[in-house]
Amino acid sequence: GAQDERIATVQELILFPIKSCAPQIVSSSSGWLLTSSGLFLDRVWTLVDAEGVALTQKAEPNMAHVQPSIVMEERAMMVRCLSKPELGTLRISLEEEDVDRM
């Protein structure tokens, strides 16, 4: 019979809900959706300055401390600052049509 020639197994996926910010690690068993454009909700949001210009981690290294986390059960993205936990967590509601695609 055919021999199993598995050479690798995906154990976790890394996505960046907010461009240039810290990643969210997702286990491969979570059933995270892969769309025609890539991982679901990957790099969907961008931080901008007062003029609407996108910020980058190259120009603003502290963006690496901004940790977004998509919580599907709550239909929300939780955002916290890793270097300033005293700031608490910002909860951003997600649009139902986005979450319902999962």
PDB file of N, CA and C in Angstrom:
ATOM      1  N   GLY A   1       0.796  -1.178   0.000  1.00  0.00           N
ATOM      2  CA  GLY A   1       0.000   0.000   0.000  1.00  0.00           C
ATOM      3  C   GLY A   1       0.851   1.260   0.000  1.00  0.00           C
ATOM      4  N   ALA A   2       0.175   2.376  -0.088  1.00  0.00           N
ATOM      5  CA  ALA A   2       0.858   3.669  -0.090  1.00  0.00           C
ATOM      6  C   ALA A   2       1.459   3.931   1.289  1.00  0.00           C
ATOM      7  N   GLN A   3       2.665   4.432   1.290  1.00  0.00           N
ATOM      8  CA  GLN A   3       3.364   4.719   2.537  1.00  0.00           C
ATOM      9  C   GLN A   3       3.150   6.181   2.930  1.00  0.00           C
ATOM     10  N   ASP A   4       2.930   6.427   4.204  1.00  0.00           N
ATOM     11  CA  ASP A   4       2.738   7.791   4.703  1.00  0.00           C
ATOM     12  C   ASP A   4       4.072   8.511   4.623  1.00  0.00           C
ATOM     13  N   GLU A   5       4.147   9.570   3.807  1.00  0.00           N
ATOM     14  CA  GLU A   5       5.394  10.311   3.618  1.00  0.00           C
ATOM     15  C   GLU A   5       5.304  11.697   4.247  1.00  0.00           C
ATOM     16  N   ARG A   6       4.726  11.750   5.421  1.00  0.00           N
ATOM     17  CA  ARG A   6       4.590  13.024   6.126  1.00  0.00           C
ATOM     18  C   ARG A   6       5.976  13.516   6.524  1.00  0.00           C
ATOM     19  N   ILE A   7       6.287  14.750   6.140  1.00  0.00           N
ATOM     20  CA  ILE A   7       7.601  15.297   6.484  1.00  0.00           C
ATOM     21  C   ILE A   7       7.507  16.417   7.514  1.00  0.00           C
ATOM     22  N   ALA A   8       6.287  16.926   7.742  1.00  0.00           N
ATOM     23  CA  ALA A   8       6.128  17.995   8.721  1.00  0.00           C
ATOM     24  C   ALA A   8       4.683  18.036   9.197  1.00  0.00           C
ATOM     25  N   THR A   9       4.495  18.527  10.391  1.00  0.00           N
ATOM     26  CA  THR A   9       3.166  18.713  10.956  1.00  0.00           C
ATOM     27  C   THR A   9       3.090  20.126  11.522  1.00  0.00           C
ATOM     28  N   VAL A  10       2.014  20.844  11.180  1.00  0.00           N
ATOM     29  CA  VAL A  10       1.819  22.191  11.698  1.00  0.00           C
ATOM     30  C   VAL A  10       1.233  22.063  13.099  1.00  0.00           C
ATOM     31  N   GLN A  11       1.922  22.629  14.087  1.00  0.00           N
ATOM     32  CA  GLN A  11       1.437  22.572  15.461  1.00  0.00           C
ATOM     33  C   GLN A  11       0.801  23.877  15.896  1.00  0.00           C
ATOM     34  N   GLU A  12       1.276  24.981  15.348  1.00  0.00           N
ATOM     35  CA  GLU A  12       0.688  26.266  15.670  1.00  0.00           C
ATOM     36  C   GLU A  12       0.869  27.229  14.502  1.00  0.00           C
ATOM     37  N   LEU A  13      -0.004  28.207  14.475  1.00  0.00           N
ATOM     38  CA  LEU A  13       0.034  29.238  13.451  1.00  0.00           C
ATOM     39  C   LEU A  13       0.272  30.574  14.127  1.00  0.00           C
ATOM     40  N   ILE A  14       0.921  31.474  13.442  1.00  0.00           N
ATOM     41  CA  ILE A  14       1.170  32.803  13.968  1.00  0.00           C
ATOM     42  C   ILE A  14       0.459  33.798  13.061  1.00  0.00           C
ATOM     43  N   LEU A  15      -0.404  34.606  13.668  1.00  0.00           N
ATOM     44  CA  LEU A  15      -1.054  35.636  12.879  1.00  0.00           C
ATOM     45  C   LEU A  15      -0.870  36.978  13.579  1.00  0.00           C
ATOM     46  N   PHE A  16      -1.041  38.013  12.821  1.00  0.00           N
ATOM     47  CA  PHE A  16      -0.864  39.381  13.297  1.00  0.00           C
ATOM     48  C   PHE A  16      -2.155  40.150  13.041  1.00  0.00           C
ATOM     49  N   PRO A  17      -3.118  40.119  13.981  1.00  0.00           N
ATOM     50  CA  PRO A  17      -4.376  40.836  13.747  1.00  0.00           C
ATOM     51  C   PRO A  17      -4.156  42.322  13.449  1.00  0.00           C
ATOM     52  N   ILE A  18      -3.191  42.948  14.160  1.00  0.00           N
ATOM     53  CA  ILE A  18      -2.861  44.354  13.905  1.00  0.00           C
ATOM     54  C   ILE A  18      -1.467  44.387  13.291  1.00  0.00           C
ATOM     55  N   LYS A  19      -1.362  44.907  12.087  1.00  0.00           N
ATOM     56  CA  LYS A  19      -0.068  44.982  11.399  1.00  0.00           C
ATOM     57  C   LYS A  19       0.977  45.643  12.278  1.00  0.00           C
ATOM     58  N   SER A  20       2.176  45.089  12.303  1.00  0.00           N
ATOM     59  CA  SER A  20       3.341  45.618  13.013  1.00  0.00           C
ATOM     60  C   SER A  20       3.266  45.511  14.536  1.00  0.00           C
ATOM     61  N   CYS A  21       2.256  44.814  15.060  1.00  0.00           N
ATOM     62  CA  CYS A  21       2.169  44.613  16.500  1.00  0.00           C
ATOM     63  C   CYS A  21       2.547  43.163  16.825  1.00  0.00           C
ATOM     64  N   ALA A  22       2.504  42.806  18.104  1.00  0.00           N
ATOM     65  CA  ALA A  22       2.870  41.461  18.530  1.00  0.00           C
ATOM     66  C   ALA A  22       1.939  40.423  17.895  1.00  0.00           C
ATOM     67  N   PRO A  23       2.438  39.211  17.705  1.00  0.00           N
ATOM     68  CA  PRO A  23       1.621  38.172  17.067  1.00  0.00           C
ATOM     69  C   PRO A  23       0.667  37.490  18.045  1.00  0.00           C
ATOM     70  N   GLN A  24      -0.284  36.770  17.474  1.00  0.00           N
ATOM     71  CA  GLN A  24      -1.157  35.879  18.235  1.00  0.00           C
ATOM     72  C   GLN A  24      -0.820  34.470  17.790  1.00  0.00           C
ATOM     73  N   ILE A  25      -0.531  33.598  18.729  1.00  0.00           N
ATOM     74  CA  ILE A  25      -0.228  32.200  18.428  1.00  0.00           C
ATOM     75  C   ILE A  25      -1.541  31.420  18.500  1.00  0.00           C
ATOM     76  N   VAL A  26      -1.820  30.635  17.465  1.00  0.00           N
ATOM     77  CA  VAL A  26      -3.045  29.847  17.389  1.00  0.00           C
ATOM     78  C   VAL A  26      -2.653  28.393  17.175  1.00  0.00           C
ATOM     79  N   SER A  27      -3.182  27.492  17.999  1.00  0.00           N
ATOM     80  CA  SER A  27      -2.854  26.075  17.817  1.00  0.00           C
ATOM     81  C   SER A  27      -3.507  25.563  16.542  1.00  0.00           C
ATOM     82  N   SER A  28      -2.865  24.604  15.908  1.00  0.00           N
ATOM     83  CA  SER A  28      -3.405  24.071  14.652  1.00  0.00           C
ATOM     84  C   SER A  28      -4.723  23.343  14.887  1.00  0.00           C
ATOM     85  N   SER A  29      -4.973  22.909  16.113  1.00  0.00           N
ATOM     86  CA  SER A  29      -6.218  22.201  16.418  1.00  0.00           C
ATOM     87  C   SER A  29      -7.397  23.148  16.635  1.00  0.00           C
ATOM     88  N   SER A  30      -7.152  24.462  16.608  1.00  0.00           N
ATOM     89  CA  SER A  30      -8.218  25.431  16.858  1.00  0.00           C
ATOM     90  C   SER A  30      -9.195  25.552  15.690  1.00  0.00           C
ATOM     91  N   GLY A  31      -8.821  25.061  14.533  1.00  0.00           N
ATOM     92  CA  GLY A  31      -9.691  25.164  13.369  1.00  0.00           C
ATOM     93  C   GLY A  31      -9.700  26.551  12.753  1.00  0.00           C
ATOM     94  N   TRP A  32      -8.626  27.295  12.965  1.00  0.00           N
ATOM     95  CA  TRP A  32      -8.542  28.660  12.417  1.00  0.00           C
ATOM     96  C   TRP A  32      -8.689  28.596  10.910  1.00  0.00           C
ATOM     97  N   LEU A  33      -9.477  29.480  10.356  1.00  0.00           N
ATOM     98  CA  LEU A  33      -9.823  29.476   8.945  1.00  0.00           C
ATOM     99  C   LEU A  33      -8.692  29.998   8.060  1.00  0.00           C
ATOM    100  N   LEU A  34      -8.448  29.301   6.979  1.00  0.00           N
ATOM    101  CA  LEU A  34      -7.517  29.760   5.949  1.00  0.00           C
ATOM    102  C   LEU A  34      -8.363  30.208   4.768  1.00  0.00           C
ATOM    103  N   THR A  35      -8.255  31.487   4.405  1.00  0.00           N
ATOM    104  CA  THR A  35      -9.052  32.041   3.313  1.00  0.00           C
ATOM    105  C   THR A  35      -8.199  32.136   2.050  1.00  0.00           C
ATOM    106  N   SER A  36      -8.800  32.576   0.966  1.00  0.00           N
ATOM    107  CA  SER A  36      -8.050  32.725  -0.287  1.00  0.00           C
ATOM    108  C   SER A  36      -6.962  33.796  -0.166  1.00  0.00           C
ATOM    109  N   SER A  37      -7.113  34.709   0.824  1.00  0.00           N
ATOM    110  CA  SER A  37      -6.101  35.759   1.008  1.00  0.00           C
ATOM    111  C   SER A  37      -5.146  35.474   2.171  1.00  0.00           C
ATOM    112  N   GLY A  38      -5.291  34.332   2.815  1.00  0.00           N
ATOM    113  CA  GLY A  38      -4.390  33.969   3.919  1.00  0.00           C
ATOM    114  C   GLY A  38      -5.168  33.618   5.172  1.00  0.00           C
ATOM    115  N   LEU A  39      -4.500  33.701   6.323  1.00  0.00           N
ATOM    116  CA  LEU A  39      -5.150  33.373   7.586  1.00  0.00           C
ATOM    117  C   LEU A  39      -6.264  34.374   7.903  1.00  0.00           C
ATOM    118  N   PHE A  40      -7.372  33.874   8.387  1.00  0.00           N
ATOM    119  CA  PHE A  40      -8.527  34.696   8.754  1.00  0.00           C
ATOM    120  C   PHE A  40      -8.117  35.740   9.785  1.00  0.00           C
ATOM    121  N   LEU A  41      -8.462  36.991   9.547  1.00  0.00           N
ATOM    122  CA  LEU A  41      -8.190  38.140  10.412  1.00  0.00           C
ATOM    123  C   LEU A  41      -6.702  38.435  10.601  1.00  0.00           C
ATOM    124  N   ASP A  42      -5.862  37.969   9.698  1.00  0.00           N
ATOM    125  CA  ASP A  42      -4.431  38.269   9.756  1.00  0.00           C
ATOM    126  C   ASP A  42      -4.154  39.600   9.073  1.00  0.00           C
ATOM    127  N   ARG A  43      -3.542  40.523   9.813  1.00  0.00           N
ATOM    128  CA  ARG A  43      -3.164  41.850   9.319  1.00  0.00           C
ATOM    129  C   ARG A  43      -4.365  42.627   8.763  1.00  0.00           C
ATOM    130  N   VAL A  44      -5.491  42.520   9.470  1.00  0.00           N
ATOM    131  CA  VAL A  44      -6.722  43.211   9.056  1.00  0.00           C
ATOM    132  C   VAL A  44      -6.728  44.656   9.534  1.00  0.00           C
ATOM    133  N   TRP A  45      -6.138  44.910  10.701  1.00  0.00           N
ATOM    134  CA  TRP A  45      -6.153  46.241  11.290  1.00  0.00           C
ATOM    135  C   TRP A  45      -4.759  46.866  11.234  1.00  0.00           C
ATOM    136  N   THR A  46      -4.732  48.193  11.197  1.00  0.00           N
ATOM    137  CA  THR A  46      -3.490  48.966  11.174  1.00  0.00           C
ATOM    138  C   THR A  46      -3.645  50.158  12.103  1.00  0.00           C
ATOM    139  N   LEU A  47      -2.595  50.446  12.869  1.00  0.00           N
ATOM    140  CA  LEU A  47      -2.589  51.662  13.681  1.00  0.00           C
ATOM    141  C   LEU A  47      -2.135  52.806  12.792  1.00  0.00           C
ATOM    142  N   VAL A  48      -2.775  53.957  12.941  1.00  0.00           N
ATOM    143  CA  VAL A  48      -2.434  55.124  12.129  1.00  0.00           C
ATOM    144  C   VAL A  48      -2.162  56.323  13.034  1.00  0.00           C
ATOM    145  N   ASP A  49      -1.443  57.290  12.493  1.00  0.00           N
ATOM    146  CA  ASP A  49      -1.186  58.528  13.246  1.00  0.00           C
ATOM    147  C   ASP A  49      -2.338  59.504  13.027  1.00  0.00           C
ATOM    148  N   ALA A  50      -2.204  60.701  13.561  1.00  0.00           N
ATOM    149  CA  ALA A  50      -3.266  61.709  13.488  1.00  0.00           C
ATOM    150  C   ALA A  50      -3.636  62.079  12.055  1.00  0.00           C
ATOM    151  N   GLU A  51      -2.702  61.909  11.130  1.00  0.00           N
ATOM    152  CA  GLU A  51      -2.970  62.221   9.716  1.00  0.00           C
ATOM    153  C   GLU A  51      -3.493  61.016   8.946  1.00  0.00           C
ATOM    154  N   GLY A  52      -3.640  59.877   9.620  1.00  0.00           N
ATOM    155  CA  GLY A  52      -4.141  58.684   8.941  1.00  0.00           C
ATOM    156  C   GLY A  52      -3.070  57.860   8.262  1.00  0.00           C
ATOM    157  N   VAL A  53      -1.796  58.145   8.528  1.00  0.00           N
ATOM    158  CA  VAL A  53      -0.692  57.403   7.929  1.00  0.00           C
ATOM    159  C   VAL A  53      -0.407  56.160   8.784  1.00  0.00           C
ATOM    160  N   ALA A  54      -0.300  55.009   8.134  1.00  0.00           N
ATOM    161  CA  ALA A  54      -0.050  53.754   8.849  1.00  0.00           C
ATOM    162  C   ALA A  54       1.280  53.794   9.587  1.00  0.00           C
ATOM    163  N   LEU A  55       1.253  53.311  10.840  1.00  0.00           N
ATOM    164  CA  LEU A  55       2.469  53.215  11.634  1.00  0.00           C
ATOM    165  C   LEU A  55       3.119  51.855  11.399  1.00  0.00           C
ATOM    166  N   THR A  56       4.443  51.804  11.498  1.00  0.00           N
ATOM    167  CA  THR A  56       5.164  50.543  11.346  1.00  0.00           C
ATOM    168  C   THR A  56       6.062  50.320  12.555  1.00  0.00           C
ATOM    169  N   GLN A  57       6.364  49.065  12.823  1.00  0.00           N
ATOM    170  CA  GLN A  57       7.248  48.739  13.930  1.00  0.00           C
ATOM    171  C   GLN A  57       8.666  49.240  13.671  1.00  0.00           C
ATOM    172  N   LYS A  58       9.018  49.352  12.422  1.00  0.00           N
ATOM    173  CA  LYS A  58      10.349  49.878  12.082  1.00  0.00           C
ATOM    174  C   LYS A  58      10.489  51.323  12.556  1.00  0.00           C
ATOM    175  N   ALA A  59       9.455  52.115  12.346  1.00  0.00           N
ATOM    176  CA  ALA A  59       9.477  53.519  12.769  1.00  0.00           C
ATOM    177  C   ALA A  59       9.092  53.676  14.239  1.00  0.00           C
ATOM    178  N   GLU A  60       8.250  52.773  14.744  1.00  0.00           N
ATOM    179  CA  GLU A  60       7.752  52.833  16.124  1.00  0.00           C
ATOM    180  C   GLU A  60       7.985  51.477  16.795  1.00  0.00           C
ATOM    181  N   PRO A  61       9.219  51.194  17.260  1.00  0.00           N
ATOM    182  CA  PRO A  61       9.545  49.876  17.822  1.00  0.00           C
ATOM    183  C   PRO A  61       8.670  49.442  18.991  1.00  0.00           C
ATOM    184  N   ASN A  62       8.092  50.384  19.719  1.00  0.00           N
ATOM    185  CA  ASN A  62       7.238  50.017  20.854  1.00  0.00           C
ATOM    186  C   ASN A  62       5.944  49.322  20.434  1.00  0.00           C
ATOM    187  N   MET A  63       5.643  49.340  19.149  1.00  0.00           N
ATOM    188  CA  MET A  63       4.462  48.623  18.676  1.00  0.00           C
ATOM    189  C   MET A  63       4.591  47.121  18.945  1.00  0.00           C
ATOM    190  N   ALA A  64       5.805  46.634  19.109  1.00  0.00           N
ATOM    191  CA  ALA A  64       6.030  45.220  19.417  1.00  0.00           C
ATOM    192  C   ALA A  64       5.433  44.845  20.771  1.00  0.00           C
ATOM    193  N   HIS A  65       5.166  45.836  21.616  1.00  0.00           N
ATOM    194  CA  HIS A  65       4.588  45.595  22.940  1.00  0.00           C
ATOM    195  C   HIS A  65       3.065  45.572  22.924  1.00  0.00           C
ATOM    196  N   VAL A  66       2.467  45.909  21.800  1.00  0.00           N
ATOM    197  CA  VAL A  66       1.004  45.906  21.681  1.00  0.00           C
ATOM    198  C   VAL A  66       0.575  44.488  21.289  1.00  0.00           C
ATOM    199  N   GLN A  67      -0.154  43.819  22.195  1.00  0.00           N
ATOM    200  CA  GLN A  67      -0.542  42.416  22.017  1.00  0.00           C
ATOM    201  C   GLN A  67      -2.038  42.279  21.757  1.00  0.00           C
ATOM    202  N   PRO A  68      -2.424  42.080  20.477  1.00  0.00           N
ATOM    203  CA  PRO A  68      -3.830  41.815  20.188  1.00  0.00           C
ATOM    204  C   PRO A  68      -4.117  40.316  20.315  1.00  0.00           C
ATOM    205  N   SER A  69      -5.337  39.991  20.675  1.00  0.00           N
ATOM    206  CA  SER A  69      -5.736  38.590  20.777  1.00  0.00           C
ATOM    207  C   SER A  69      -7.204  38.473  20.385  1.00  0.00           C
ATOM    208  N   ILE A  70      -7.462  37.724  19.333  1.00  0.00           N
ATOM    209  CA  ILE A  70      -8.830  37.492  18.875  1.00  0.00           C
ATOM    210  C   ILE A  70      -9.448  36.423  19.776  1.00  0.00           C
ATOM    211  N   VAL A  71     -10.607  36.726  20.354  1.00  0.00           N
ATOM    212  CA  VAL A  71     -11.328  35.767  21.203  1.00  0.00           C
ATOM    213  C   VAL A  71     -12.678  35.522  20.537  1.00  0.00           C
ATOM    214  N   MET A  72     -12.741  34.453  19.747  1.00  0.00           N
ATOM    215  CA  MET A  72     -13.943  34.184  18.952  1.00  0.00           C
ATOM    216  C   MET A  72     -15.186  34.006  19.816  1.00  0.00           C
ATOM    217  N   GLU A  73     -15.044  33.328  20.971  1.00  0.00           N
ATOM    218  CA  GLU A  73     -16.197  33.081  21.836  1.00  0.00           C
ATOM    219  C   GLU A  73     -16.833  34.392  22.314  1.00  0.00           C
ATOM    220  N   GLU A  74     -16.026  35.432  22.431  1.00  0.00           N
ATOM    221  CA  GLU A  74     -16.532  36.728  22.886  1.00  0.00           C
ATOM    222  C   GLU A  74     -16.788  37.694  21.730  1.00  0.00           C
ATOM    223  N   ARG A  75     -16.510  37.232  20.503  1.00  0.00           N
ATOM    224  CA  ARG A  75     -16.657  38.089  19.319  1.00  0.00           C
ATOM    225  C   ARG A  75     -15.922  39.409  19.527  1.00  0.00           C
ATOM    226  N   ALA A  76     -14.653  39.285  19.971  1.00  0.00           N
ATOM    227  CA  ALA A  76     -13.898  40.485  20.315  1.00  0.00           C
ATOM    228  C   ALA A  76     -12.404  40.287  20.088  1.00  0.00           C
ATOM    229  N   MET A  77     -11.719  41.419  19.976  1.00  0.00           N
ATOM    230  CA  MET A  77     -10.264  41.428  19.997  1.00  0.00           C
ATOM    231  C   MET A  77      -9.876  42.151  21.282  1.00  0.00           C
ATOM    232  N   MET A  78      -9.046  41.492  22.064  1.00  0.00           N
ATOM    233  CA  MET A  78      -8.526  42.087  23.288  1.00  0.00           C
ATOM    234  C   MET A  78      -7.134  42.619  22.967  1.00  0.00           C
ATOM    235  N   VAL A  79      -6.847  43.851  23.385  1.00  0.00           N
ATOM    236  CA  VAL A  79      -5.547  44.458  23.107  1.00  0.00           C
ATOM    237  C   VAL A  79      -4.955  44.938  24.424  1.00  0.00           C
ATOM    238  N   ARG A  80      -3.703  44.534  24.662  1.00  0.00           N
ATOM    239  CA  ARG A  80      -3.024  44.990  25.878  1.00  0.00           C
ATOM    240  C   ARG A  80      -1.597  45.371  25.551  1.00  0.00           C
ATOM    241  N   CYS A  81      -0.992  46.135  26.424  1.00  0.00           N
ATOM    242  CA  CYS A  81       0.396  46.557  26.258  1.00  0.00           C
ATOM    243  C   CYS A  81       1.259  45.687  27.166  1.00  0.00           C
ATOM    244  N   LEU A  82       2.112  44.869  26.567  1.00  0.00           N
ATOM    245  CA  LEU A  82       2.930  43.937  27.330  1.00  0.00           C
ATOM    246  C   LEU A  82       3.868  44.640  28.301  1.00  0.00           C
ATOM    247  N   SER A  83       4.367  45.808  27.934  1.00  0.00           N
ATOM    248  CA  SER A  83       5.318  46.522  28.787  1.00  0.00           C
ATOM    249  C   SER A  83       4.633  47.413  29.825  1.00  0.00           C
ATOM    250  N   LYS A  84       3.310  47.576  29.727  1.00  0.00           N
ATOM    251  CA  LYS A  84       2.569  48.415  30.683  1.00  0.00           C
ATOM    252  C   LYS A  84       1.241  47.741  31.033  1.00  0.00           C
ATOM    253  N   PRO A  85       1.303  46.613  31.741  1.00  0.00           N
ATOM    254  CA  PRO A  85       0.071  45.888  32.061  1.00  0.00           C
ATOM    255  C   PRO A  85      -0.914  46.704  32.892  1.00  0.00           C
ATOM    256  N   GLU A  86      -0.412  47.727  33.583  1.00  0.00           N
ATOM    257  CA  GLU A  86      -1.293  48.567  34.402  1.00  0.00           C
ATOM    258  C   GLU A  86      -2.312  49.332  33.544  1.00  0.00           C
ATOM    259  N   LEU A  87      -2.076  49.413  32.247  1.00  0.00           N
ATOM    260  CA  LEU A  87      -3.024  50.081  31.352  1.00  0.00           C
ATOM    261  C   LEU A  87      -4.296  49.266  31.155  1.00  0.00           C
ATOM    262  N   GLY A  88      -4.241  47.992  31.496  1.00  0.00           N
ATOM    263  CA  GLY A  88      -5.413  47.132  31.343  1.00  0.00           C
ATOM    264  C   GLY A  88      -5.572  46.633  29.920  1.00  0.00           C
ATOM    265  N   THR A  89      -6.735  46.108  29.634  1.00  0.00           N
ATOM    266  CA  THR A  89      -7.036  45.513  28.334  1.00  0.00           C
ATOM    267  C   THR A  89      -8.145  46.296  27.637  1.00  0.00           C
ATOM    268  N   LEU A  90      -7.924  46.614  26.380  1.00  0.00           N
ATOM    269  CA  LEU A  90      -8.926  47.266  25.541  1.00  0.00           C
ATOM    270  C   LEU A  90      -9.704  46.167  24.818  1.00  0.00           C
ATOM    271  N   ARG A  91     -11.029  46.185  24.923  1.00  0.00           N
ATOM    272  CA  ARG A  91     -11.873  45.197  24.239  1.00  0.00           C
ATOM    273  C   ARG A  91     -12.516  45.871  23.041  1.00  0.00           C
ATOM    274  N   ILE A  92     -12.307  45.276  21.860  1.00  0.00           N
ATOM    275  CA  ILE A  92     -12.885  45.800  20.626  1.00  0.00           C
ATOM    276  C   ILE A  92     -13.840  44.747  20.073  1.00  0.00           C
ATOM    277  N   SER A  93     -15.114  45.094  19.956  1.00  0.00           N
ATOM    278  CA  SER A  93     -16.100  44.156  19.415  1.00  0.00           C
ATOM    279  C   SER A  93     -15.834  43.939  17.932  1.00  0.00           C
ATOM    280  N   LEU A  94     -15.990  42.700  17.500  1.00  0.00           N
ATOM    281  CA  LEU A  94     -15.829  42.367  16.078  1.00  0.00           C
ATOM    282  C   LEU A  94     -17.191  42.330  15.419  1.00  0.00           C
ATOM    283  N   GLU A  95     -17.206  42.635  14.143  1.00  0.00           N
ATOM    284  CA  GLU A  95     -18.443  42.582  13.377  1.00  0.00           C
ATOM    285  C   GLU A  95     -18.922  41.140  13.303  1.00  0.00           C
ATOM    286  N   GLU A  96     -20.212  40.928  13.449  1.00  0.00           N
ATOM    287  CA  GLU A  96     -20.757  39.578  13.436  1.00  0.00           C
ATOM    288  C   GLU A  96     -20.419  38.822  12.158  1.00  0.00           C
ATOM    289  N   GLU A  97     -20.477  39.502  11.011  1.00  0.00           N
ATOM    290  CA  GLU A  97     -20.219  38.794   9.752  1.00  0.00           C
ATOM    291  C   GLU A  97     -18.784  38.299   9.679  1.00  0.00           C
ATOM    292  N   ASP A  98     -17.843  38.997  10.313  1.00  0.00           N
ATOM    293  CA  ASP A  98     -16.451  38.539  10.330  1.00  0.00           C
ATOM    294  C   ASP A  98     -16.319  37.268  11.146  1.00  0.00           C
ATOM    295  N   VAL A  99     -16.867  37.277  12.356  1.00  0.00           N
ATOM    296  CA  VAL A  99     -16.731  36.146  13.254  1.00  0.00           C
ATOM    297  C   VAL A  99     -17.545  34.953  12.758  1.00  0.00           C
ATOM    298  N   ASP A 100     -18.707  35.207  12.159  1.00  0.00           N
ATOM    299  CA  ASP A 100     -19.539  34.112  11.672  1.00  0.00           C
ATOM    300  C   ASP A 100     -18.874  33.325  10.553  1.00  0.00           C
ATOM    301  N   ARG A 101     -17.851  33.877   9.920  1.00  0.00           N
ATOM    302  CA  ARG A 101     -17.140  33.156   8.857  1.00  0.00           C
ATOM    303  C   ARG A 101     -16.270  32.041   9.420  1.00  0.00           C
ATOM    304  N   MET A 102     -15.980  32.082  10.724  1.00  0.00           N
ATOM    305  CA  MET A 102     -15.134  31.052  11.345  1.00  0.00           C
ATOM    306  C   MET A 102     -15.839  29.733  11.397  1.00  0.00           C
TER     307      MET A 102
END
